[in-house]
Structures are given as structure tokens and as C-alpha cells.
């Protein structure tokens, strides 16, 4: 596949995904309660499947088939990396917040047994979160990341992919109720730093494994553990929203750390490609 063909696929994909997503941005913004309303939740699920539709349509336009999007299983170690990574970085952030008194913890928020509640979010919760997350992964990691990888280095792929992925969420932060209550400018800034950082992890597990499924596991685990467990356990003490959730300083800083770790790991992929081209 030529670089020119990859560029055409990226452009076609972006035009379709943002055109289709714009419909849902508007519909969600018109709902009282935004993404939290009944209609908003349905529309959000449809929105999260827009990248999949765009990716499948784009691939079929240029290939007349859907091969090469990462449907294979990949090696088990990438699933382990994908599963443990968000658990580790999210735990570090929230344990730090609780320990420093930036937020309190209410174990009863997850029911009679907070341990079982957490285990539920890390098992059944992950499976539930995967239903919506797979729509994003088919598009972002099934099409966009592999095509960007054909046009540049791992670093360029992760950064550009992360910026695009982050921008796609911004209309929801501004007008869809997808935020924490912190000022919009602050929420967007922290979110963008976090998502660009973790995009290095997503790009790595996708490109190293050759499969979208580890990236799906990473995405679903991140969403379930943070949104359904850690955020619920955390009690606002006044400024907690500035440090927690996907729109706070904690995950933004951790995103930088995660990005640096996977940046070093991802550079090996560039060397592998160079050796393969020489060979």
C-alpha cells in the first residue's frame, strides 16, 4: 500500500467520522441532561459507533473487503498489558487523591461490599463497557492508527491519533454534559493531555499485537474502572473535581507518564520496521 493511498484513507475516514458524529453532537446537546438522559445515553452509544461505521465504510471503499483492520486475536501478553495498564495508572491517581486529602473515599458507594463492587467493574463491567468501546476501537485503532503508522513514526502516529481522538470528544465536553463540573477550559486541557498520553499505550498494543482486541480491552477497562468504581467511591471535598475523573489533573499527569513509558516501548516498533525494510 502506498503512502498516497494511506493519506486518502485517513482523509476519507476523518470526513465520514466527523460528518456522522456531528449529527449526534447536535442531538445530544438538545437533550436535557445531555449524555445522562435516557435519549442521551442511546445517542451516545450511536455516537461511539460512528468511528466503526466510518472505518468499515472507508476500508470497503478502497478494498471492497474488510481485511487488514486487526480482526485477529494477537498474543496473550498484549491483553495482560492492556488490562493491567489502566488499573495501575488509575489506582495510583485515586489512591494519591485519597491519601493527600484532595478527596474522600466512601466505600459504601459500591454497595455492601466495595471489594465485590470493584471486582464486578473489572469483570462484568469491562464486558459491558466493551459494547460501546468496540465501536470506537474499530475506527480509531482498526483503521486510523495503522494508516497513520504507514505515514510516519510510532511517535507521530500516537500523537496525531491522540489529538484527533481527543478533538472528537470535545463537543461532548462543551455541550453534552461529558465533564466533571470543573471549568470547561480546564476539563478540555486535562482531558487532551491525558488522552494524548494514553494514546501511546493504545497505539502500542494495536501495532505490536496486530489486533484491535487488546486496545478494546484497554479502553473498556479504563472506562469501567474509573467511571463505575473510582469516581463513585470518591467524595468531593470542594476541589476534588480538579484532580479526579478524566478531566482532572491526576489522570492528565499520569497520562504523561504512561505516554513516556509506551513511547520508549513503541520506538522498538520503528526499529523493527526499519530492519524489515532493509531485509
Foldseek 3Di string as FASTA:
>chain_A
DDLVLLVVLQVQLLVQLVVVLVVLLVVQLPDVQFCPDPVNVVSLLVNLLSLLVSLQVSCCVVPVDQPQLAADDFDPVLLVCLLVVLVVLQCVQLVVCCVVVQWHFDQCLQPPGSVVSLVCLSPVVLVVLLSSNVSNLSRLLRRQLVSVVSVDALLRSLQVSQQSVLVSCLSCLVRRNPAQPPPSVQLSVLLSLLSSLCSLSLSCSCVVGVHSVSSSSNSSSNCSNQVVRSVSRIHHPDCSSQRGDSRHPSSSVSSNVSNVVSVVVRNVVVVVVVVVVVD
